[in-house]
Amino acid sequence: IQPAIDDPTGFTIGVGRTTRRIPPWLLRLVTGRDQGCRFP
């Protein structure tokens, strides 16, 4: 389990411009939020 504790404003976590490659922990947040392809 990777907990993602959100504050009341739902702040966003990222690594900015430090790297193009998406780290695994951030990829999990993206896939967990989108639940599949976002194309309509």
Full PDB file with SEQRES, HELIX, SHEET, SSBOND, CRYST1, ORIGX, SCALE, CONECT and MASTER records, all heavy atoms in Angstrom:
SEQRES   1 A   40  ILE GLN PRO ALA ILE ASP ASP PRO THR GLY PHE THR ILE          
SEQRES   2 A   40  GLY VAL GLY ARG THR THR ARG ARG ILE PRO PRO TRP LEU          
SEQRES   3 A   40  LEU ARG LEU VAL THR GLY ARG ASP GLN GLY CYS ARG PHE          
SEQRES   4 A   40  PRO                                                          
HELIX    1 AA1 PRO A   24  ASP A   34  1                                  11    
CRYST1    1.000    1.000    1.000  90.00  90.00  90.00 P 1           1          
ORIGX1      1.000000  0.000000  0.000000        0.00000                         
ORIGX2      0.000000  1.000000  0.000000        0.00000                         
ORIGX3      0.000000  0.000000  1.000000        0.00000                         
SCALE1      1.000000  0.000000  0.000000        0.00000                         
SCALE2      0.000000  1.000000  0.000000        0.00000                         
SCALE3      0.000000  0.000000  1.000000        0.00000                         
ATOM      1  N   ILE A   1       0.844  -1.183   0.000  1.00  0.00           N  
ATOM      2  CA  ILE A   1       0.000   0.000   0.000  1.00  0.00           C  
ATOM      3  C   ILE A   1       0.884   1.240   0.000  1.00  0.00           C  
ATOM      4  O   ILE A   1       1.819   1.350   0.782  1.00  0.00           O  
ATOM      5  CB  ILE A   1      -0.920   0.034   1.239  1.00  0.00           C  
ATOM      6  CG1 ILE A   1      -1.774  -1.233   1.304  1.00  0.00           C  
ATOM      7  CG2 ILE A   1      -1.792   1.277   1.228  1.00  0.00           C  
ATOM      8  CD1 ILE A   1      -2.799  -1.347   0.203  1.00  0.00           C  
ATOM      9  N   GLN A   2       0.579   2.175  -0.906  1.00  0.00           N  
ATOM     10  CA  GLN A   2       1.227   3.480  -0.863  1.00  0.00           C  
ATOM     11  C   GLN A   2       0.178   4.508  -0.473  1.00  0.00           C  
ATOM     12  O   GLN A   2      -0.704   4.830  -1.254  1.00  0.00           O  
ATOM     13  CB  GLN A   2       1.822   3.868  -2.223  1.00  0.00           C  
ATOM     14  CG  GLN A   2       2.401   5.293  -2.212  1.00  0.00           C  
ATOM     15  CD  GLN A   2       2.780   5.752  -3.603  1.00  0.00           C  
ATOM     16  OE1 GLN A   2       3.213   4.961  -4.419  1.00  0.00           O  
ATOM     17  NE2 GLN A   2       2.605   7.039  -3.873  1.00  0.00           N  
ATOM     18  N   PRO A   3       0.225   5.024   0.749  1.00  0.00           N  
ATOM     19  CA  PRO A   3      -0.760   6.041   1.130  1.00  0.00           C  
ATOM     20  C   PRO A   3      -0.440   7.372   0.469  1.00  0.00           C  
ATOM     21  O   PRO A   3       0.717   7.758   0.334  1.00  0.00           O  
ATOM     22  CB  PRO A   3      -0.599   6.123   2.654  1.00  0.00           C  
ATOM     23  CG  PRO A   3       0.807   5.703   2.904  1.00  0.00           C  
ATOM     24  CD  PRO A   3       1.148   4.699   1.850  1.00  0.00           C  
ATOM     25  N   ALA A   4      -1.483   8.053   0.003  1.00  0.00           N  
ATOM     26  CA  ALA A   4      -1.356   9.404  -0.527  1.00  0.00           C  
ATOM     27  C   ALA A   4      -2.269  10.281   0.315  1.00  0.00           C  
ATOM     28  O   ALA A   4      -3.476  10.338   0.084  1.00  0.00           O  
ATOM     29  CB  ALA A   4      -1.745   9.445  -1.999  1.00  0.00           C  
ATOM     30  N   ILE A   5      -1.712  10.926   1.296  1.00  0.00           N  
ATOM     31  CA  ILE A   5      -2.508  11.726   2.231  1.00  0.00           C  
ATOM     32  C   ILE A   5      -2.754  13.095   1.611  1.00  0.00           C  
ATOM     33  O   ILE A   5      -1.816  13.858   1.358  1.00  0.00           O  
ATOM     34  CB  ILE A   5      -1.780  11.873   3.584  1.00  0.00           C  
ATOM     35  CG1 ILE A   5      -1.329  10.501   4.096  1.00  0.00           C  
ATOM     36  CG2 ILE A   5      -2.688  12.548   4.584  1.00  0.00           C  
ATOM     37  CD1 ILE A   5      -2.454   9.523   4.295  1.00  0.00           C  
ATOM     38  N   ASP A   6      -4.030  13.419   1.355  1.00  0.00           N  
ATOM     39  CA  ASP A   6      -4.389  14.680   0.721  1.00  0.00           C  
ATOM     40  C   ASP A   6      -4.827  15.685   1.781  1.00  0.00           C  
ATOM     41  O   ASP A   6      -5.519  15.325   2.738  1.00  0.00           O  
ATOM     42  CB  ASP A   6      -5.539  14.470  -0.266  1.00  0.00           C  
ATOM     43  CG  ASP A   6      -5.156  13.501  -1.384  1.00  0.00           C  
ATOM     44  OD1 ASP A   6      -3.948  13.380  -1.664  1.00  0.00           O  
ATOM     45  OD2 ASP A   6      -6.064  12.887  -1.969  1.00  0.00           O  
ATOM     46  N   ASP A   7      -4.445  16.941   1.582  1.00  0.00           N  
ATOM     47  CA  ASP A   7      -4.958  17.986   2.469  1.00  0.00           C  
ATOM     48  C   ASP A   7      -6.286  18.476   1.911  1.00  0.00           C  
ATOM     49  O   ASP A   7      -6.722  18.044   0.843  1.00  0.00           O  
ATOM     50  CB  ASP A   7      -3.938  19.121   2.622  1.00  0.00           C  
ATOM     51  CG  ASP A   7      -3.724  19.899   1.331  1.00  0.00           C  
ATOM     52  OD1 ASP A   7      -4.522  19.721   0.383  1.00  0.00           O  
ATOM     53  OD2 ASP A   7      -2.764  20.686   1.261  1.00  0.00           O  
ATOM     54  N   PRO A   8      -7.008  19.351   2.639  1.00  0.00           N  
ATOM     55  CA  PRO A   8      -8.316  19.794   2.176  1.00  0.00           C  
ATOM     56  C   PRO A   8      -8.323  20.428   0.797  1.00  0.00           C  
ATOM     57  O   PRO A   8      -9.343  20.441   0.113  1.00  0.00           O  
ATOM     58  CB  PRO A   8      -8.746  20.804   3.253  1.00  0.00           C  
ATOM     59  CG  PRO A   8      -8.028  20.367   4.482  1.00  0.00           C  
ATOM     60  CD  PRO A   8      -6.697  19.863   4.003  1.00  0.00           C  
ATOM     61  N   THR A   9      -7.169  20.978   0.362  1.00  0.00           N  
ATOM     62  CA  THR A   9      -7.102  21.608  -0.957  1.00  0.00           C  
ATOM     63  C   THR A   9      -6.691  20.640  -2.041  1.00  0.00           C  
ATOM     64  O   THR A   9      -6.673  20.993  -3.219  1.00  0.00           O  
ATOM     65  CB  THR A   9      -6.113  22.785  -0.935  1.00  0.00           C  
ATOM     66  OG1 THR A   9      -4.786  22.289  -0.672  1.00  0.00           O  
ATOM     67  CG2 THR A   9      -6.500  23.797   0.128  1.00  0.00           C  
ATOM     68  N   GLY A  10      -6.334  19.386  -1.680  1.00  0.00           N  
ATOM     69  CA  GLY A  10      -5.915  18.398  -2.662  1.00  0.00           C  
ATOM     70  C   GLY A  10      -4.632  18.783  -3.361  1.00  0.00           C  
ATOM     71  O   GLY A  10      -4.558  18.824  -4.585  1.00  0.00           O  
ATOM     72  N   PHE A  11      -3.587  19.058  -2.607  1.00  0.00           N  
ATOM     73  CA  PHE A  11      -2.334  19.534  -3.191  1.00  0.00           C  
ATOM     74  C   PHE A  11      -1.737  18.487  -4.129  1.00  0.00           C  
ATOM     75  O   PHE A  11      -1.975  17.296  -4.004  1.00  0.00           O  
ATOM     76  CB  PHE A  11      -1.327  19.885  -2.103  1.00  0.00           C  
ATOM     77  CG  PHE A  11      -0.665  18.668  -1.490  1.00  0.00           C  
ATOM     78  CD1 PHE A  11       0.609  18.279  -1.894  1.00  0.00           C  
ATOM     79  CD2 PHE A  11      -1.314  17.924  -0.531  1.00  0.00           C  
ATOM     80  CE1 PHE A  11       1.210  17.162  -1.335  1.00  0.00           C  
ATOM     81  CE2 PHE A  11      -0.705  16.804   0.022  1.00  0.00           C  
ATOM     82  CZ  PHE A  11       0.556  16.419  -0.377  1.00  0.00           C  
ATOM     83  N   THR A  12      -0.940  18.956  -5.080  1.00  0.00           N  
ATOM     84  CA  THR A  12      -0.337  18.114  -6.110  1.00  0.00           C  
ATOM     85  C   THR A  12       1.134  17.893  -5.820  1.00  0.00           C  
ATOM     86  O   THR A  12       1.864  18.821  -5.467  1.00  0.00           O  
ATOM     87  CB  THR A  12      -0.479  18.779  -7.498  1.00  0.00           C  
ATOM     88  OG1 THR A  12      -1.867  18.929  -7.783  1.00  0.00           O  
ATOM     89  CG2 THR A  12       0.169  17.929  -8.574  1.00  0.00           C  
ATOM     90  N   ILE A  13       1.548  16.617  -5.987  1.00  0.00           N  
ATOM     91  CA  ILE A  13       2.950  16.275  -5.788  1.00  0.00           C  
ATOM     92  C   ILE A  13       3.584  15.997  -7.146  1.00  0.00           C  
ATOM     93  O   ILE A  13       2.991  15.364  -8.003  1.00  0.00           O  
ATOM     94  CB  ILE A  13       3.089  15.028  -4.895  1.00  0.00           C  
ATOM     95  CG1 ILE A  13       2.598  15.342  -3.492  1.00  0.00           C  
ATOM     96  CG2 ILE A  13       4.517  14.524  -4.854  1.00  0.00           C  
ATOM     97  CD1 ILE A  13       2.654  14.169  -2.557  1.00  0.00           C  
ATOM     98  N   GLY A  14       4.816  16.432  -7.370  1.00  0.00           N  
ATOM     99  CA  GLY A  14       5.520  16.156  -8.607  1.00  0.00           C  
ATOM    100  C   GLY A  14       6.999  16.394  -8.445  1.00  0.00           C  
ATOM    101  O   GLY A  14       7.482  16.732  -7.362  1.00  0.00           O  
ATOM    102  N   VAL A  15       7.708  16.184  -9.542  1.00  0.00           N  
ATOM    103  CA  VAL A  15       9.160  16.396  -9.509  1.00  0.00           C  
ATOM    104  C   VAL A  15       9.565  17.529 -10.429  1.00  0.00           C  
ATOM    105  O   VAL A  15      10.756  17.717 -10.716  1.00  0.00           O  
ATOM    106  CB  VAL A  15       9.898  15.092  -9.909  1.00  0.00           C  
ATOM    107  CG1 VAL A  15       9.659  14.021  -8.883  1.00  0.00           C  
ATOM    108  CG2 VAL A  15       9.484  14.615 -11.288  1.00  0.00           C  
ATOM    109  N   GLY A  16       8.597  18.303 -10.930  1.00  0.00           N  
ATOM    110  CA  GLY A  16       8.891  19.505 -11.686  1.00  0.00           C  
ATOM    111  C   GLY A  16       9.728  19.256 -12.920  1.00  0.00           C  
ATOM    112  O   GLY A  16       9.479  18.347 -13.700  1.00  0.00           O  
ATOM    113  N   ARG A  17      10.765  20.071 -13.060  1.00  0.00           N  
ATOM    114  CA  ARG A  17      11.611  20.011 -14.249  1.00  0.00           C  
ATOM    115  C   ARG A  17      12.896  19.252 -13.993  1.00  0.00           C  
ATOM    116  O   ARG A  17      13.819  19.287 -14.807  1.00  0.00           O  
ATOM    117  CB  ARG A  17      11.955  21.436 -14.694  1.00  0.00           C  
ATOM    118  CG  ARG A  17      10.791  22.228 -15.234  1.00  0.00           C  
ATOM    119  CD  ARG A  17      10.418  21.794 -16.629  1.00  0.00           C  
ATOM    120  NE  ARG A  17      11.535  21.952 -17.546  1.00  0.00           N  
ATOM    121  CZ  ARG A  17      11.619  21.366 -18.734  1.00  0.00           C  
ATOM    122  NH1 ARG A  17      10.668  20.558 -19.129  1.00  0.00           N  
ATOM    123  NH2 ARG A  17      12.652  21.564 -19.509  1.00  0.00           N  
ATOM    124  N   THR A  18      12.982  18.524 -12.879  1.00  0.00           N  
ATOM    125  CA  THR A  18      14.250  17.855 -12.574  1.00  0.00           C  
ATOM    126  C   THR A  18      14.506  16.678 -13.505  1.00  0.00           C  
ATOM    127  O   THR A  18      15.642  16.339 -13.776  1.00  0.00           O  
ATOM    128  CB  THR A  18      14.235  17.345 -11.123  1.00  0.00           C  
ATOM    129  OG1 THR A  18      13.138  16.431 -10.958  1.00  0.00           O  
ATOM    130  CG2 THR A  18      14.089  18.507 -10.153  1.00  0.00           C  
ATOM    131  N   THR A  19      13.444  16.043 -14.036  1.00  0.00           N  
ATOM    132  CA  THR A  19      13.648  14.895 -14.905  1.00  0.00           C  
ATOM    133  C   THR A  19      12.430  14.700 -15.782  1.00  0.00           C  
ATOM    134  O   THR A  19      11.308  15.037 -15.420  1.00  0.00           O  
ATOM    135  CB  THR A  19      13.883  13.614 -14.094  1.00  0.00           C  
ATOM    136  OG1 THR A  19      14.019  12.503 -14.996  1.00  0.00           O  
ATOM    137  CG2 THR A  19      12.735  13.324 -13.147  1.00  0.00           C  
ATOM    138  N   ARG A  20      12.641  14.165 -17.000  1.00  0.00           N  
ATOM    139  CA  ARG A  20      11.539  13.831 -17.887  1.00  0.00           C  
ATOM    140  C   ARG A  20      10.935  12.491 -17.509  1.00  0.00           C  
ATOM    141  O   ARG A  20       9.732  12.278 -17.635  1.00  0.00           O  
ATOM    142  CB  ARG A  20      12.040  13.787 -19.335  1.00  0.00           C  
ATOM    143  CG  ARG A  20      10.964  13.388 -20.350  1.00  0.00           C  
ATOM    144  CD  ARG A  20      11.551  13.266 -21.748  1.00  0.00           C  
ATOM    145  NE  ARG A  20      12.541  12.194 -21.793  1.00  0.00           N  
ATOM    146  CZ  ARG A  20      12.242  10.903 -21.971  1.00  0.00           C  
ATOM    147  NH1 ARG A  20      10.975  10.524 -22.061  1.00  0.00           N  
ATOM    148  NH2 ARG A  20      13.180   9.995 -22.025  1.00  0.00           N  
ATOM    149  N   ARG A  21      11.797  11.593 -17.037  1.00  0.00           N  
ATOM    150  CA  ARG A  21      11.330  10.257 -16.688  1.00  0.00           C  
ATOM    151  C   ARG A  21      10.418  10.327 -15.467  1.00  0.00           C  
ATOM    152  O   ARG A  21      10.731  10.964 -14.469  1.00  0.00           O  
ATOM    153  CB  ARG A  21      12.525   9.340 -16.401  1.00  0.00           C  
ATOM    154  CG  ARG A  21      12.125   7.910 -16.063  1.00  0.00           C  
ATOM    155  CD  ARG A  21      13.358   7.065 -15.820  1.00  0.00           C  
ATOM    156  NE  ARG A  21      12.986   5.700 -15.461  1.00  0.00           N  
ATOM    157  CZ  ARG A  21      12.714   5.314 -14.230  1.00  0.00           C  
ATOM    158  NH1 ARG A  21      12.763   6.183 -13.226  1.00  0.00           N  
ATOM    159  NH2 ARG A  21      12.382   4.053 -13.973  1.00  0.00           N  
ATOM    160  N   ILE A  22       9.272   9.641 -15.563  1.00  0.00           N  
ATOM    161  CA  ILE A  22       8.296   9.662 -14.484  1.00  0.00           C  
ATOM    162  C   ILE A  22       8.681   8.611 -13.464  1.00  0.00           C  
ATOM    163  O   ILE A  22       8.743   7.420 -13.786  1.00  0.00           O  
ATOM    164  CB  ILE A  22       6.888   9.381 -15.031  1.00  0.00           C  
ATOM    165  CG1 ILE A  22       6.539  10.388 -16.126  1.00  0.00           C  
ATOM    166  CG2 ILE A  22       5.849   9.423 -13.911  1.00  0.00           C  
ATOM    167  CD1 ILE A  22       5.280  10.045 -16.881  1.00  0.00           C  
ATOM    168  N   PRO A  23       8.971   9.011 -12.226  1.00  0.00           N  
ATOM    169  CA  PRO A  23       9.354   8.016 -11.219  1.00  0.00           C  
ATOM    170  C   PRO A  23       8.187   7.091 -10.903  1.00  0.00           C  
ATOM    171  O   PRO A  23       7.015   7.470 -11.035  1.00  0.00           O  
ATOM    172  CB  PRO A  23       9.744   8.870 -10.019  1.00  0.00           C  
ATOM    173  CG  PRO A  23       9.051  10.173 -10.219  1.00  0.00           C  
ATOM    174  CD  PRO A  23       8.972  10.384 -11.693  1.00  0.00           C  
ATOM    175  N   PRO A  24       8.484   5.871 -10.471  1.00  0.00           N  
ATOM    176  CA  PRO A  24       7.414   4.893 -10.229  1.00  0.00           C  
ATOM    177  C   PRO A  24       6.345   5.369  -9.254  1.00  0.00           C  
ATOM    178  O   PRO A  24       5.153   5.116  -9.458  1.00  0.00           O  
ATOM    179  CB  PRO A  24       8.179   3.675  -9.697  1.00  0.00           C  
ATOM    180  CG  PRO A  24       9.546   3.803 -10.276  1.00  0.00           C  
ATOM    181  CD  PRO A  24       9.818   5.266 -10.299  1.00  0.00           C  
ATOM    182  N   TRP A  25       6.743   6.060  -8.183  1.00  0.00           N  
ATOM    183  CA  TRP A  25       5.754   6.487  -7.198  1.00  0.00           C  
ATOM    184  C   TRP A  25       4.779   7.491  -7.792  1.00  0.00           C  
ATOM    185  O   TRP A  25       3.590   7.498  -7.475  1.00  0.00           O  
ATOM    186  CB  TRP A  25       6.437   7.076  -5.963  1.00  0.00           C  
ATOM    187  CG  TRP A  25       7.296   8.278  -6.232  1.00  0.00           C  
ATOM    188  CD1 TRP A  25       8.626   8.298  -6.486  1.00  0.00           C  
ATOM    189  CD2 TRP A  25       6.870   9.657  -6.274  1.00  0.00           C  
ATOM    190  NE1 TRP A  25       9.068   9.586  -6.690  1.00  0.00           N  
ATOM    191  CE2 TRP A  25       8.011  10.435  -6.553  1.00  0.00           C  
ATOM    192  CE3 TRP A  25       5.640  10.288  -6.104  1.00  0.00           C  
ATOM    193  CZ2 TRP A  25       7.961  11.814  -6.677  1.00  0.00           C  
ATOM    194  CZ3 TRP A  25       5.594  11.677  -6.209  1.00  0.00           C  
ATOM    195  CH2 TRP A  25       6.744  12.419  -6.497  1.00  0.00           C  
ATOM    196  N   LEU A  26       5.276   8.370  -8.723  1.00  0.00           N  
ATOM    197  CA  LEU A  26       4.387   9.336  -9.367  1.00  0.00           C  
ATOM    198  C   LEU A  26       3.508   8.651 -10.418  1.00  0.00           C  
ATOM    199  O   LEU A  26       2.338   9.006 -10.573  1.00  0.00           O  
ATOM    200  CB  LEU A  26       5.215  10.444 -10.013  1.00  0.00           C  
ATOM    201  CG  LEU A  26       4.443  11.562 -10.725  1.00  0.00           C  
ATOM    202  CD1 LEU A  26       3.423  12.205  -9.786  1.00  0.00           C  
ATOM    203  CD2 LEU A  26       5.410  12.617 -11.272  1.00  0.00           C  
ATOM    204  N   LEU A  27       4.075   7.664 -11.103  1.00  0.00           N  
ATOM    205  CA  LEU A  27       3.284   6.927 -12.078  1.00  0.00           C  
ATOM    206  C   LEU A  27       2.115   6.223 -11.406  1.00  0.00           C  
ATOM    207  O   LEU A  27       1.015   6.142 -11.964  1.00  0.00           O  
ATOM    208  CB  LEU A  27       4.177   5.911 -12.809  1.00  0.00           C  
ATOM    209  CG  LEU A  27       3.496   5.083 -13.899  1.00  0.00           C  
ATOM    210  CD1 LEU A  27       2.963   5.978 -15.010  1.00  0.00           C  
ATOM    211  CD2 LEU A  27       4.478   4.057 -14.461  1.00  0.00           C  
ATOM    212  N   ARG A  28       2.333   5.723 -10.191  1.00  0.00           N  
ATOM    213  CA  ARG A  28       1.238   5.084  -9.473  1.00  0.00           C  
ATOM    214  C   ARG A  28       0.126   6.086  -9.162  1.00  0.00           C  
ATOM    215  O   ARG A  28      -1.066   5.756  -9.217  1.00  0.00           O  
ATOM    216  CB  ARG A  28       1.750   4.445  -8.179  1.00  0.00           C  
ATOM    217  CG  ARG A  28       2.615   3.225  -8.394  1.00  0.00           C  
ATOM    218  CD  ARG A  28       2.695   2.389  -7.126  1.00  0.00           C  
ATOM    219  NE  ARG A  28       3.332   3.098  -6.023  1.00  0.00           N  
ATOM    220  CZ  ARG A  28       4.633   3.084  -5.771  1.00  0.00           C  
ATOM    221  NH1 ARG A  28       5.450   2.418  -6.575  1.00  0.00           N  
ATOM    222  NH2 ARG A  28       5.133   3.733  -4.740  1.00  0.00           N  
ATOM    223  N   LEU A  29       0.487   7.303  -8.821  1.00  0.00           N  
ATOM    224  CA  LEU A  29      -0.521   8.324  -8.554  1.00  0.00           C  
ATOM    225  C   LEU A  29      -1.313   8.662  -9.814  1.00  0.00           C  
ATOM    226  O   LEU A  29      -2.536   8.848  -9.771  1.00  0.00           O  
ATOM    227  CB  LEU A  29       0.138   9.582  -7.996  1.00  0.00           C  
ATOM    228  CG  LEU A  29       0.819   9.466  -6.632  1.00  0.00           C  
ATOM    229  CD1 LEU A  29       1.459  10.793  -6.247  1.00  0.00           C  
ATOM    230  CD2 LEU A  29      -0.178   9.037  -5.569  1.00  0.00           C  
ATOM    231  N   VAL A  30      -0.620   8.738 -10.965  1.00  0.00           N  
ATOM    232  CA  VAL A  30      -1.284   9.060 -12.233  1.00  0.00           C  
ATOM    233  C   VAL A  30      -2.262   7.956 -12.623  1.00  0.00           C  
ATOM    234  O   VAL A  30      -3.434   8.211 -12.927  1.00  0.00           O  
ATOM    235  CB  VAL A  30      -0.248   9.291 -13.346  1.00  0.00           C  
ATOM    236  CG1 VAL A  30      -0.949   9.507 -14.690  1.00  0.00           C  
ATOM    237  CG2 VAL A  30       0.639  10.491 -13.023  1.00  0.00           C  
ATOM    238  N   THR A  31      -1.791   6.716 -12.604  1.00  0.00           N  
ATOM    239  CA  THR A  31      -2.657   5.604 -13.006  1.00  0.00           C  
ATOM    240  C   THR A  31      -3.795   5.390 -12.012  1.00  0.00           C  
ATOM    241  O   THR A  31      -4.909   5.022 -12.397  1.00  0.00           O  
ATOM    242  CB  THR A  31      -1.839   4.313 -13.149  1.00  0.00           C  
ATOM    243  OG1 THR A  31      -1.139   4.048 -11.917  1.00  0.00           O  
ATOM    244  CG2 THR A  31      -0.819   4.440 -14.266  1.00  0.00           C  
ATOM    245  N   GLY A  32      -3.520   5.631 -10.729  1.00  0.00           N  
ATOM    246  CA  GLY A  32      -4.578   5.500  -9.734  1.00  0.00           C  
ATOM    247  C   GLY A  32      -5.653   6.549  -9.898  1.00  0.00           C  
ATOM    248  O   GLY A  32      -6.832   6.287  -9.678  1.00  0.00           O  
ATOM    249  N   ARG A  33      -5.285   7.739 -10.294  1.00  0.00           N  
ATOM    250  CA  ARG A  33      -6.265   8.808 -10.508  1.00  0.00           C  
ATOM    251  C   ARG A  33      -7.066   8.595 -11.785  1.00  0.00           C  
ATOM    252  O   ARG A  33      -8.293   8.750 -11.805  1.00  0.00           O  
ATOM    253  CB  ARG A  33      -5.550  10.163 -10.594  1.00  0.00           C  
ATOM    254  CG  ARG A  33      -6.480  11.354 -10.867  1.00  0.00           C  
ATOM    255  CD  ARG A  33      -5.685  12.547 -11.392  1.00  0.00           C  
ATOM    256  NE  ARG A  33      -5.059  12.233 -12.669  1.00  0.00           N  
ATOM    257  CZ  ARG A  33      -4.045  12.909 -13.181  1.00  0.00           C  
ATOM    258  NH1 ARG A  33      -3.523  13.932 -12.514  1.00  0.00           N  
ATOM    259  NH2 ARG A  33      -3.532  12.571 -14.358  1.00  0.00           N  
ATOM    260  N   ASP A  34      -6.399   8.216 -12.875  1.00  0.00           N  
ATOM    261  CA  ASP A  34      -7.060   8.164 -14.183  1.00  0.00           C  
ATOM    262  C   ASP A  34      -7.854   6.888 -14.401  1.00  0.00           C  
ATOM    263  O   ASP A  34      -8.836   6.882 -15.146  1.00  0.00           O  
ATOM    264  CB  ASP A  34      -6.021   8.314 -15.295  1.00  0.00           C  
ATOM    265  CG  ASP A  34      -5.414   9.712 -15.331  1.00  0.00           C  
ATOM    266  OD1 ASP A  34      -5.947  10.595 -14.635  1.00  0.00           O  
ATOM    267  OD2 ASP A  34      -4.424   9.909 -16.043  1.00  0.00           O  
ATOM    268  N   GLN A  35      -7.428   5.775 -13.823  1.00  0.00           N  
ATOM    269  CA  GLN A  35      -8.151   4.509 -13.974  1.00  0.00           C  
ATOM    270  C   GLN A  35      -8.336   4.121 -15.444  1.00  0.00           C  
ATOM    271  O   GLN A  35      -9.398   3.645 -15.841  1.00  0.00           O  
ATOM    272  CB  GLN A  35      -9.503   4.590 -13.279  1.00  0.00           C  
ATOM    273  CG  GLN A  35      -9.426   4.789 -11.792  1.00  0.00           C  
ATOM    274  CD  GLN A  35      -8.701   3.638 -11.092  1.00  0.00           C  
ATOM    275  OE1 GLN A  35      -9.056   2.484 -11.272  1.00  0.00           O  
ATOM    276  NE2 GLN A  35      -7.690   3.959 -10.318  1.00  0.00           N  
ATOM    277  N   GLY A  36      -7.304   4.334 -16.250  1.00  0.00           N  
ATOM    278  CA  GLY A  36      -7.380   3.933 -17.653  1.00  0.00           C  
ATOM    279  C   GLY A  36      -7.163   5.104 -18.587  1.00  0.00           C  
ATOM    280  O   GLY A  36      -6.926   6.240 -18.173  1.00  0.00           O  
ATOM    281  N   CYS A  37      -7.244   4.811 -19.893  1.00  0.00           N  
ATOM    282  CA  CYS A  37      -7.015   5.830 -20.916  1.00  0.00           C  
ATOM    283  C   CYS A  37      -8.046   6.941 -20.788  1.00  0.00           C  
ATOM    284  O   CYS A  37      -9.250   6.689 -20.713  1.00  0.00           O  
ATOM    285  CB  CYS A  37      -7.083   5.180 -22.303  1.00  0.00           C  
ATOM    286  SG  CYS A  37      -6.888   6.345 -23.673  1.00  0.00           S  
ATOM    287  N   ARG A  38      -7.573   8.196 -20.794  1.00  0.00           N  
ATOM    288  CA  ARG A  38      -8.458   9.347 -20.619  1.00  0.00           C  
ATOM    289  C   ARG A  38      -9.078   9.817 -21.929  1.00  0.00           C  
ATOM    290  O   ARG A  38      -9.900  10.741 -21.915  1.00  0.00           O  
ATOM    291  CB  ARG A  38      -7.678  10.504 -19.982  1.00  0.00           C  
ATOM    292  CG  ARG A  38      -7.184  10.244 -18.573  1.00  0.00           C  
ATOM    293  CD  ARG A  38      -8.325  10.192 -17.580  1.00  0.00           C  
ATOM    294  NE  ARG A  38      -9.026  11.458 -17.497  1.00  0.00           N  
ATOM    295  CZ  ARG A  38      -8.644  12.481 -16.707  1.00  0.00           C  
ATOM    296  NH1 ARG A  38      -7.563  12.353 -15.934  1.00  0.00           N  
ATOM    297  NH2 ARG A  38      -9.334  13.597 -16.675  1.00  0.00           N  
ATOM    298  N   PHE A  39      -8.704   9.220 -23.067  1.00  0.00           N  
ATOM    299  CA  PHE A  39      -9.299   9.651 -24.325  1.00  0.00           C  
ATOM    300  C   PHE A  39     -10.792   9.368 -24.280  1.00  0.00           C  
ATOM    301  O   PHE A  39     -11.215   8.284 -23.861  1.00  0.00           O  
ATOM    302  CB  PHE A  39      -8.655   8.911 -25.499  1.00  0.00           C  
ATOM    303  CG  PHE A  39      -8.974   9.512 -26.836  1.00  0.00           C  
ATOM    304  CD1 PHE A  39      -8.167  10.488 -27.384  1.00  0.00           C  
ATOM    305  CD2 PHE A  39     -10.095   9.102 -27.546  1.00  0.00           C  
ATOM    306  CE1 PHE A  39      -8.459  11.046 -28.617  1.00  0.00           C  
ATOM    307  CE2 PHE A  39     -10.406   9.654 -28.772  1.00  0.00           C  
ATOM    308  CZ  PHE A  39      -9.579  10.621 -29.312  1.00  0.00           C  
ATOM    309  N   PRO A  40     -11.629  10.312 -24.700  1.00  0.00           N  
ATOM    310  CA  PRO A  40     -13.084  10.136 -24.593  1.00  0.00           C  
ATOM    311  C   PRO A  40     -13.560   8.851 -25.262  1.00  0.00           C  
ATOM    312  O   PRO A  40     -13.240   8.570 -26.417  1.00  0.00           O  
ATOM    313  CB  PRO A  40     -13.641  11.370 -25.316  1.00  0.00           C  
ATOM    314  CG  PRO A  40     -12.560  12.388 -25.208  1.00  0.00           C  
ATOM    315  CD  PRO A  40     -11.272  11.622 -25.276  1.00  0.00           C  
TER     316      PRO A  40                                                      
MASTER        0    0    0    1    0    0    0    6  315    1    0    4          
END                                                                             
